């Protein structure tokens, strides 16, 4: 029984890391592998964990950012995040629409991913349902890319 609880705790830890901004599944997949999960298990847990916050972010980011932008404490930070996100994504998403959003999320490099995709979709006023499909597809693609890289690194050792 204790082994089952330990495994569940580890699975939740991987999913939690995957749900965090900046780290997302790029950090969660290697973490899961280092915790003893197979690359496939770690990837599946990371994809699920990365997807969980997306519907909430697409619905709640706009009112939260609007509120925080009016506060003296967070105003500069919110403006900086908006500016950085629009700089990274505006041209790509305007040119390719939802495909651009998919690419933004799918390419597993720093400061891209589901959170950035949700912020970009919110700022560019994309349809939340269509954005959700694009972002989830990008998460799955990023998971496959990171899985492939992690699997190749592990096979070298």
N, C-alpha and C. Protein backbone atom coordinates (compact mmCIF):
# COMPACT_ATOMS: atom_id res chain seq x y z
N UNK A 1 0.82 -1.20 0.00
CA UNK A 1 0.00 0.00 0.00
C UNK A 1 0.86 1.26 0.00
N UNK A 2 1.93 1.21 0.77
CA UNK A 2 2.83 2.37 0.85
C UNK A 2 3.51 2.63 -0.48
N UNK A 3 3.83 1.56 -1.23
CA UNK A 3 4.45 1.71 -2.55
C UNK A 3 3.50 2.43 -3.52
N UNK A 4 2.22 2.10 -3.44
CA UNK A 4 1.22 2.72 -4.31
C UNK A 4 1.14 4.22 -4.01
N UNK A 5 1.10 4.57 -2.73
CA UNK A 5 1.03 5.97 -2.34
C UNK A 5 2.29 6.73 -2.79
N UNK A 6 3.44 6.09 -2.69
CA UNK A 6 4.69 6.71 -3.13
C UNK A 6 4.67 6.96 -4.64
N UNK A 7 4.17 5.99 -5.39
CA UNK A 7 4.09 6.14 -6.85
C UNK A 7 3.13 7.26 -7.21
N UNK A 8 1.97 7.30 -6.56
CA UNK A 8 0.99 8.36 -6.83
C UNK A 8 1.58 9.72 -6.49
N UNK A 9 2.31 9.80 -5.37
CA UNK A 9 2.94 11.06 -4.98
C UNK A 9 3.93 11.51 -6.06
N UNK A 10 4.71 10.58 -6.59
CA UNK A 10 5.68 10.90 -7.63
C UNK A 10 4.99 11.32 -8.92
N UNK A 11 3.90 10.64 -9.27
CA UNK A 11 3.15 11.01 -10.48
C UNK A 11 2.58 12.42 -10.36
N UNK A 12 2.03 12.73 -9.19
CA UNK A 12 1.48 14.07 -8.97
C UNK A 12 2.58 15.12 -9.02
N UNK A 13 3.75 14.80 -8.49
CA UNK A 13 4.88 15.74 -8.52
C UNK A 13 5.27 16.06 -9.96
N UNK A 14 5.34 15.06 -10.82
CA UNK A 14 5.68 15.28 -12.23
C UNK A 14 4.60 16.12 -12.91
N UNK A 15 3.34 15.80 -12.66
CA UNK A 15 2.25 16.57 -13.26
C UNK A 15 2.24 18.01 -12.75
N UNK A 16 2.55 18.19 -11.49
CA UNK A 16 2.58 19.54 -10.91
C UNK A 16 3.68 20.38 -11.56
N UNK A 17 4.85 19.80 -11.72
CA UNK A 17 5.96 20.52 -12.37
C UNK A 17 5.58 20.86 -13.82
N UNK A 18 4.93 19.95 -14.50
CA UNK A 18 4.51 20.20 -15.89
C UNK A 18 3.47 21.31 -15.98
N UNK A 19 2.71 21.51 -14.93
CA UNK A 19 1.68 22.56 -14.93
C UNK A 19 2.25 23.94 -14.59
N UNK A 20 3.48 24.00 -14.12
CA UNK A 20 4.08 25.27 -13.71
C UNK A 20 4.56 26.08 -14.92
N UNK A 21 4.42 27.40 -14.84
CA UNK A 21 4.95 28.22 -15.95
C UNK A 21 6.47 28.12 -16.02
N UNK A 22 6.99 28.37 -17.19
CA UNK A 22 8.42 28.33 -17.51
C UNK A 22 8.98 26.91 -17.55
N UNK A 23 8.75 26.10 -16.55
CA UNK A 23 9.31 24.74 -16.52
C UNK A 23 8.52 23.85 -17.48
N UNK A 24 7.22 23.78 -17.25
CA UNK A 24 6.29 23.00 -18.06
C UNK A 24 6.83 21.60 -18.34
N UNK A 25 6.47 21.02 -19.46
CA UNK A 25 6.89 19.62 -19.70
C UNK A 25 8.34 19.48 -20.09
N UNK A 26 8.97 20.58 -20.51
CA UNK A 26 10.41 20.53 -20.83
C UNK A 26 11.23 20.13 -19.61
N UNK A 27 10.78 20.52 -18.44
CA UNK A 27 11.48 20.15 -17.22
C UNK A 27 10.87 18.93 -16.55
N UNK A 28 9.57 18.72 -16.76
CA UNK A 28 8.88 17.63 -16.08
C UNK A 28 9.25 16.26 -16.65
N UNK A 29 9.47 16.17 -17.95
CA UNK A 29 9.81 14.87 -18.55
C UNK A 29 11.16 14.38 -18.02
N UNK A 30 12.21 15.18 -18.06
CA UNK A 30 13.48 14.72 -17.47
C UNK A 30 13.36 14.44 -15.96
N UNK A 31 12.56 15.25 -15.27
CA UNK A 31 12.35 15.01 -13.84
C UNK A 31 11.72 13.64 -13.61
N UNK A 32 10.68 13.33 -14.36
CA UNK A 32 10.01 12.04 -14.22
C UNK A 32 10.94 10.87 -14.51
N UNK A 33 11.77 11.04 -15.53
CA UNK A 33 12.74 9.99 -15.86
C UNK A 33 13.74 9.82 -14.72
N UNK A 34 14.18 10.93 -14.15
CA UNK A 34 15.15 10.85 -13.04
C UNK A 34 14.51 10.26 -11.79
N UNK A 35 13.18 10.32 -11.70
CA UNK A 35 12.47 9.73 -10.56
C UNK A 35 12.19 8.24 -10.76
N UNK A 36 12.54 7.71 -11.93
CA UNK A 36 12.37 6.28 -12.16
C UNK A 36 11.26 5.90 -13.12
N UNK A 37 10.53 6.87 -13.65
CA UNK A 37 9.51 6.58 -14.64
C UNK A 37 10.19 6.32 -15.98
N UNK A 38 9.56 5.51 -16.81
CA UNK A 38 10.08 5.31 -18.16
C UNK A 38 9.87 6.62 -18.92
N UNK A 39 10.62 6.85 -20.00
CA UNK A 39 10.39 8.07 -20.77
C UNK A 39 8.95 8.22 -21.25
N UNK A 40 8.31 7.11 -21.61
CA UNK A 40 6.93 7.16 -22.07
C UNK A 40 5.98 7.54 -20.93
N UNK A 41 6.16 6.94 -19.76
CA UNK A 41 5.32 7.28 -18.60
C UNK A 41 5.51 8.75 -18.21
N UNK A 42 6.75 9.17 -18.18
CA UNK A 42 7.05 10.55 -17.81
C UNK A 42 6.44 11.53 -18.80
N UNK A 43 6.50 11.19 -20.08
CA UNK A 43 5.93 12.06 -21.11
C UNK A 43 4.41 12.14 -20.97
N UNK A 44 3.76 11.01 -20.75
CA UNK A 44 2.30 11.00 -20.60
C UNK A 44 1.87 11.83 -19.39
N UNK A 45 2.54 11.64 -18.26
CA UNK A 45 2.22 12.41 -17.07
C UNK A 45 2.45 13.91 -17.30
N UNK A 46 3.54 14.23 -17.98
CA UNK A 46 3.88 15.63 -18.23
C UNK A 46 2.88 16.28 -19.17
N UNK A 47 2.47 15.57 -20.20
CA UNK A 47 1.48 16.13 -21.13
C UNK A 47 0.17 16.40 -20.40
N UNK A 48 -0.27 15.44 -19.60
CA UNK A 48 -1.52 15.62 -18.84
C UNK A 48 -1.39 16.81 -17.89
N UNK A 49 -0.27 16.87 -17.17
CA UNK A 49 -0.06 17.97 -16.23
C UNK A 49 0.01 19.31 -16.92
N UNK A 50 0.58 19.36 -18.11
CA UNK A 50 0.71 20.62 -18.85
C UNK A 50 -0.63 21.07 -19.42
N UNK A 51 -1.50 20.12 -19.74
CA UNK A 51 -2.81 20.45 -20.31
C UNK A 51 -3.78 20.96 -19.24
N UNK A 52 -3.69 20.45 -18.02
CA UNK A 52 -4.68 20.75 -16.98
C UNK A 52 -4.93 22.25 -16.80
N UNK A 53 -3.92 23.12 -16.69
CA UNK A 53 -4.25 24.53 -16.45
C UNK A 53 -4.74 25.31 -17.66
N UNK A 54 -4.59 24.76 -18.86
CA UNK A 54 -4.88 25.53 -20.08
C UNK A 54 -6.32 26.06 -20.15
N UNK A 55 -7.36 25.24 -19.94
CA UNK A 55 -8.72 25.80 -20.03
C UNK A 55 -8.97 26.91 -19.02
N UNK A 56 -8.40 26.75 -17.82
CA UNK A 56 -8.57 27.77 -16.79
C UNK A 56 -7.85 29.05 -17.18
N UNK A 57 -6.63 28.90 -17.71
CA UNK A 57 -5.87 30.07 -18.12
C UNK A 57 -6.58 30.84 -19.23
N UNK A 58 -7.12 30.12 -20.20
CA UNK A 58 -7.79 30.78 -21.32
C UNK A 58 -9.02 31.58 -20.86
N UNK A 59 -9.65 31.14 -19.80
CA UNK A 59 -10.85 31.83 -19.29
C UNK A 59 -10.51 32.92 -18.26
N UNK A 60 -9.45 32.72 -17.50
CA UNK A 60 -9.20 33.60 -16.36
C UNK A 60 -8.07 34.61 -16.54
N UNK A 61 -7.21 34.41 -17.52
CA UNK A 61 -6.06 35.30 -17.67
C UNK A 61 -6.45 36.76 -17.92
N UNK A 62 -7.40 36.98 -18.79
CA UNK A 62 -7.76 38.36 -19.12
C UNK A 62 -8.26 39.14 -17.90
N UNK A 63 -9.24 38.61 -17.15
CA UNK A 63 -9.67 39.40 -15.98
C UNK A 63 -8.58 39.53 -14.90
N UNK A 64 -7.77 38.50 -14.75
CA UNK A 64 -6.70 38.59 -13.75
C UNK A 64 -5.65 39.62 -14.17
N UNK A 65 -5.23 39.57 -15.43
CA UNK A 65 -4.24 40.54 -15.91
C UNK A 65 -4.79 41.97 -15.85
N UNK A 66 -6.06 42.14 -16.22
CA UNK A 66 -6.67 43.47 -16.16
C UNK A 66 -6.66 44.00 -14.73
N UNK A 67 -7.00 43.15 -13.78
CA UNK A 67 -7.02 43.57 -12.37
C UNK A 67 -5.61 43.90 -11.89
N UNK A 68 -4.67 43.00 -12.15
CA UNK A 68 -3.30 43.19 -11.66
C UNK A 68 -2.63 44.40 -12.31
N UNK A 69 -3.02 44.70 -13.54
CA UNK A 69 -2.44 45.85 -14.23
C UNK A 69 -2.85 47.18 -13.58
N UNK A 70 -3.95 47.14 -12.85
CA UNK A 70 -4.43 48.35 -12.17
C UNK A 70 -3.81 48.52 -10.79
N UNK A 71 -3.10 47.51 -10.30
CA UNK A 71 -2.46 47.62 -8.99
C UNK A 71 -1.07 48.21 -9.14
N UNK A 72 -0.63 48.90 -8.12
CA UNK A 72 0.71 49.49 -8.17
C UNK A 72 1.79 48.43 -8.03
N UNK A 73 1.50 47.37 -7.31
CA UNK A 73 2.50 46.34 -7.04
C UNK A 73 2.82 45.50 -8.28
N UNK A 74 1.80 45.15 -9.07
CA UNK A 74 2.00 44.23 -10.19
C UNK A 74 1.89 44.88 -11.57
N UNK A 75 1.60 46.14 -11.63
CA UNK A 75 1.38 46.81 -12.90
C UNK A 75 2.56 46.67 -13.86
N UNK A 76 3.76 46.95 -13.39
CA UNK A 76 4.95 46.87 -14.25
C UNK A 76 5.20 45.45 -14.72
N UNK A 77 5.02 44.49 -13.83
CA UNK A 77 5.25 43.09 -14.19
C UNK A 77 4.28 42.63 -15.27
N UNK A 78 3.01 42.94 -15.11
CA UNK A 78 2.00 42.54 -16.09
C UNK A 78 2.29 43.19 -17.44
N UNK A 79 2.64 44.46 -17.44
CA UNK A 79 2.96 45.14 -18.69
C UNK A 79 4.18 44.52 -19.36
N UNK A 80 5.17 44.14 -18.57
CA UNK A 80 6.37 43.50 -19.10
C UNK A 80 6.04 42.14 -19.72
N UNK A 81 5.22 41.35 -19.02
CA UNK A 81 4.82 40.04 -19.55
C UNK A 81 4.03 40.20 -20.84
N UNK A 82 3.12 41.14 -20.87
CA UNK A 82 2.32 41.38 -22.08
C UNK A 82 3.23 41.78 -23.24
N UNK A 83 4.14 42.71 -22.98
CA UNK A 83 5.03 43.19 -24.03
C UNK A 83 5.91 42.06 -24.57
N UNK A 84 6.50 41.28 -23.66
CA UNK A 84 7.38 40.19 -24.07
C UNK A 84 6.61 39.13 -24.87
N UNK A 85 5.42 38.80 -24.40
CA UNK A 85 4.62 37.77 -25.08
C UNK A 85 4.20 38.25 -26.46
N UNK A 86 3.74 39.48 -26.56
CA UNK A 86 3.34 40.00 -27.87
C UNK A 86 4.52 40.11 -28.82
N UNK A 87 5.69 40.47 -28.29
CA UNK A 87 6.88 40.56 -29.13
C UNK A 87 7.24 39.20 -29.71
N UNK A 88 7.14 38.15 -28.89
CA UNK A 88 7.49 36.80 -29.33
C UNK A 88 6.44 36.20 -30.27
N UNK A 89 5.17 36.58 -30.09
CA UNK A 89 4.12 35.83 -30.75
C UNK A 89 3.27 36.58 -31.76
N UNK A 90 3.20 37.88 -31.67
CA UNK A 90 2.24 38.63 -32.49
C UNK A 90 2.39 38.35 -33.98
N UNK A 91 3.59 38.51 -34.52
CA UNK A 91 3.77 38.33 -35.96
C UNK A 91 3.49 36.90 -36.39
N UNK A 92 3.99 35.94 -35.61
CA UNK A 92 3.81 34.53 -35.94
C UNK A 92 2.33 34.15 -35.91
N UNK A 93 1.63 34.59 -34.88
CA UNK A 93 0.22 34.21 -34.75
C UNK A 93 -0.64 34.98 -35.75
N UNK A 94 -0.35 36.25 -35.98
CA UNK A 94 -1.13 37.00 -36.96
C UNK A 94 -0.94 36.43 -38.37
N UNK A 95 0.29 36.01 -38.68
CA UNK A 95 0.57 35.47 -40.01
C UNK A 95 -0.05 34.09 -40.19
N UNK A 96 0.11 33.23 -39.18
CA UNK A 96 -0.33 31.84 -39.32
C UNK A 96 -1.56 31.49 -38.48
N UNK A 97 -2.10 32.44 -37.76
CA UNK A 97 -3.28 32.26 -36.93
C UNK A 97 -3.08 31.13 -35.92
N UNK A 98 -3.98 30.17 -35.90
CA UNK A 98 -3.91 29.10 -34.90
C UNK A 98 -2.72 28.19 -35.14
N UNK A 99 -2.25 28.07 -36.37
CA UNK A 99 -1.04 27.31 -36.64
C UNK A 99 0.17 27.99 -35.98
N UNK A 100 0.20 29.31 -36.00
CA UNK A 100 1.26 30.05 -35.32
C UNK A 100 1.23 29.83 -33.82
N UNK A 101 0.02 29.77 -33.24
CA UNK A 101 -0.12 29.47 -31.82
C UNK A 101 0.38 28.07 -31.52
N UNK A 102 0.04 27.12 -32.38
CA UNK A 102 0.52 25.74 -32.25
C UNK A 102 2.05 25.71 -32.25
N UNK A 103 2.66 26.41 -33.19
CA UNK A 103 4.13 26.44 -33.30
C UNK A 103 4.75 27.06 -32.06
N UNK A 104 4.15 28.15 -31.57
CA UNK A 104 4.65 28.81 -30.37
C UNK A 104 4.68 27.85 -29.18
N UNK A 105 3.67 27.02 -29.06
CA UNK A 105 3.58 26.08 -27.95
C UNK A 105 4.43 24.84 -28.21
N UNK A 106 4.48 24.37 -29.44
CA UNK A 106 5.12 23.10 -29.76
C UNK A 106 6.65 23.14 -29.71
N UNK A 107 7.23 24.29 -30.02
CA UNK A 107 8.70 24.36 -30.05
C UNK A 107 9.20 24.48 -28.61
N UNK A 108 9.85 23.44 -28.10
CA UNK A 108 10.23 23.43 -26.69
C UNK A 108 11.52 24.20 -26.39
N UNK A 109 11.43 25.51 -26.46
CA UNK A 109 12.56 26.35 -26.10
C UNK A 109 12.13 27.24 -24.93
N UNK A 110 13.08 27.82 -24.20
CA UNK A 110 12.70 28.66 -23.06
C UNK A 110 11.77 29.80 -23.45
N UNK A 111 10.86 30.09 -22.58
CA UNK A 111 9.83 31.14 -22.69
C UNK A 111 8.80 30.88 -23.79
N UNK A 112 8.69 29.65 -24.22
CA UNK A 112 7.55 29.28 -25.06
C UNK A 112 6.85 28.13 -24.36
N UNK A 113 5.65 27.84 -24.76
CA UNK A 113 4.92 26.74 -24.14
C UNK A 113 3.47 27.11 -23.93
N UNK A 114 2.79 26.30 -23.13
CA UNK A 114 1.36 26.46 -22.94
C UNK A 114 1.00 27.79 -22.26
N UNK A 115 1.76 28.17 -21.25
CA UNK A 115 1.46 29.42 -20.56
C UNK A 115 1.63 30.62 -21.50
N UNK A 116 2.71 30.66 -22.23
CA UNK A 116 2.93 31.75 -23.19
C UNK A 116 1.85 31.72 -24.26
N UNK A 117 1.50 30.52 -24.71
CA UNK A 117 0.44 30.38 -25.71
C UNK A 117 -0.90 30.90 -25.19
N UNK A 118 -1.21 30.61 -23.93
CA UNK A 118 -2.46 31.10 -23.35
C UNK A 118 -2.45 32.62 -23.21
N UNK A 119 -1.32 33.16 -22.80
CA UNK A 119 -1.22 34.62 -22.69
C UNK A 119 -1.38 35.25 -24.08
N UNK A 120 -0.69 34.69 -25.08
CA UNK A 120 -0.78 35.22 -26.44
C UNK A 120 -2.21 35.12 -26.97
N UNK A 121 -2.86 33.99 -26.78
CA UNK A 121 -4.24 33.81 -27.25
C UNK A 121 -5.17 34.81 -26.58
N UNK A 122 -4.95 35.06 -25.30
CA UNK A 122 -5.77 36.02 -24.56
C UNK A 122 -5.53 37.44 -25.07
N UNK A 123 -4.27 37.82 -25.21
CA UNK A 123 -3.96 39.19 -25.65
C UNK A 123 -4.40 39.46 -27.08
N UNK A 124 -4.34 38.42 -27.93
CA UNK A 124 -4.73 38.60 -29.33
C UNK A 124 -6.20 38.29 -29.57
N UNK A 125 -6.92 38.04 -28.47
CA UNK A 125 -8.38 37.84 -28.51
C UNK A 125 -8.80 36.69 -29.44
N UNK A 126 -8.05 35.58 -29.38
CA UNK A 126 -8.42 34.41 -30.17
C UNK A 126 -9.59 33.69 -29.51
N UNK A 127 -10.38 32.99 -30.31
CA UNK A 127 -11.49 32.20 -29.79
C UNK A 127 -10.93 31.16 -28.83
N UNK A 128 -11.38 31.16 -27.56
CA UNK A 128 -10.81 30.24 -26.57
C UNK A 128 -10.92 28.76 -26.94
N UNK A 129 -11.99 28.36 -27.59
CA UNK A 129 -12.15 26.94 -27.97
C UNK A 129 -11.14 26.54 -29.03
N UNK A 130 -10.97 27.39 -30.02
CA UNK A 130 -9.99 27.10 -31.07
C UNK A 130 -8.57 27.18 -30.52
N UNK A 131 -8.34 28.15 -29.65
CA UNK A 131 -7.02 28.28 -29.03
C UNK A 131 -6.72 27.05 -28.18
N UNK A 132 -7.72 26.53 -27.48
CA UNK A 132 -7.53 25.34 -26.65
C UNK A 132 -7.05 24.16 -27.49
N UNK A 133 -7.69 23.94 -28.63
CA UNK A 133 -7.29 22.83 -29.52
C UNK A 133 -5.86 23.04 -30.01
N UNK A 134 -5.54 24.25 -30.40
CA UNK A 134 -4.20 24.55 -30.90
C UNK A 134 -3.15 24.38 -29.82
N UNK A 135 -3.43 24.86 -28.62
CA UNK A 135 -2.48 24.76 -27.52
C UNK A 135 -2.28 23.32 -27.08
N UNK A 136 -3.37 22.57 -26.96
CA UNK A 136 -3.26 21.15 -26.57
C UNK A 136 -2.47 20.37 -27.62
N UNK A 137 -2.72 20.66 -28.88
CA UNK A 137 -1.95 20.00 -29.95
C UNK A 137 -0.47 20.36 -29.85
N UNK A 138 -0.18 21.62 -29.55
CA UNK A 138 1.20 22.05 -29.37
C UNK A 138 1.86 21.37 -28.18
N UNK A 139 1.12 21.19 -27.11
CA UNK A 139 1.64 20.50 -25.92
C UNK A 139 2.01 19.06 -26.28
N UNK A 140 1.14 18.39 -27.01
CA UNK A 140 1.41 17.00 -27.40
C UNK A 140 2.65 16.94 -28.29
N UNK A 141 2.74 17.86 -29.24
CA UNK A 141 3.92 17.89 -30.13
C UNK A 141 5.19 18.17 -29.33
N UNK A 142 5.14 19.13 -28.42
CA UNK A 142 6.31 19.43 -27.58
C UNK A 142 6.68 18.21 -26.73
N UNK A 143 5.68 17.52 -26.23
CA UNK A 143 5.93 16.30 -25.45
C UNK A 143 6.65 15.24 -26.27
N UNK A 144 6.23 15.09 -27.51
CA UNK A 144 6.88 14.11 -28.40
C UNK A 144 8.32 14.52 -28.68
N UNK A 145 8.55 15.81 -28.89
CA UNK A 145 9.92 16.30 -29.16
C UNK A 145 10.81 16.08 -27.94
N UNK A 146 10.34 16.48 -26.77
CA UNK A 146 11.15 16.32 -25.55
C UNK A 146 11.33 14.84 -25.23
N UNK A 147 10.29 14.03 -25.45
CA UNK A 147 10.41 12.58 -25.26
C UNK A 147 11.52 12.03 -26.15
N UNK A 148 11.51 12.42 -27.42
CA UNK A 148 12.52 11.93 -28.37
C UNK A 148 13.92 12.32 -27.93
N UNK A 149 14.07 13.57 -27.51
CA UNK A 149 15.38 14.03 -27.04
C UNK A 149 15.79 13.30 -25.77
N UNK A 150 14.86 13.14 -24.84
CA UNK A 150 15.17 12.45 -23.58
C UNK A 150 15.50 10.99 -23.83
N UNK A 151 14.77 10.36 -24.72
CA UNK A 151 14.99 8.95 -25.02
C UNK A 151 16.36 8.74 -25.65
N UNK A 152 16.74 9.67 -26.55
CA UNK A 152 18.06 9.57 -27.19
C UNK A 152 19.18 9.77 -26.18
N UNK A 153 19.00 10.73 -25.25
CA UNK A 153 20.01 10.98 -24.23
C UNK A 153 20.15 9.77 -23.32
N UNK A 154 19.04 9.18 -22.93
CA UNK A 154 19.08 8.01 -22.04
C UNK A 154 19.74 6.83 -22.74
N UNK A 155 19.44 6.64 -24.04
CA UNK A 155 20.02 5.49 -24.76
C UNK A 155 21.53 5.61 -24.93
N UNK A 156 22.05 6.85 -24.87
CA UNK A 156 23.51 7.05 -24.95
C UNK A 156 24.17 6.52 -23.68
N UNK A 157 23.51 6.69 -22.55
CA UNK A 157 24.06 6.23 -21.28
C UNK A 157 23.64 4.80 -21.04
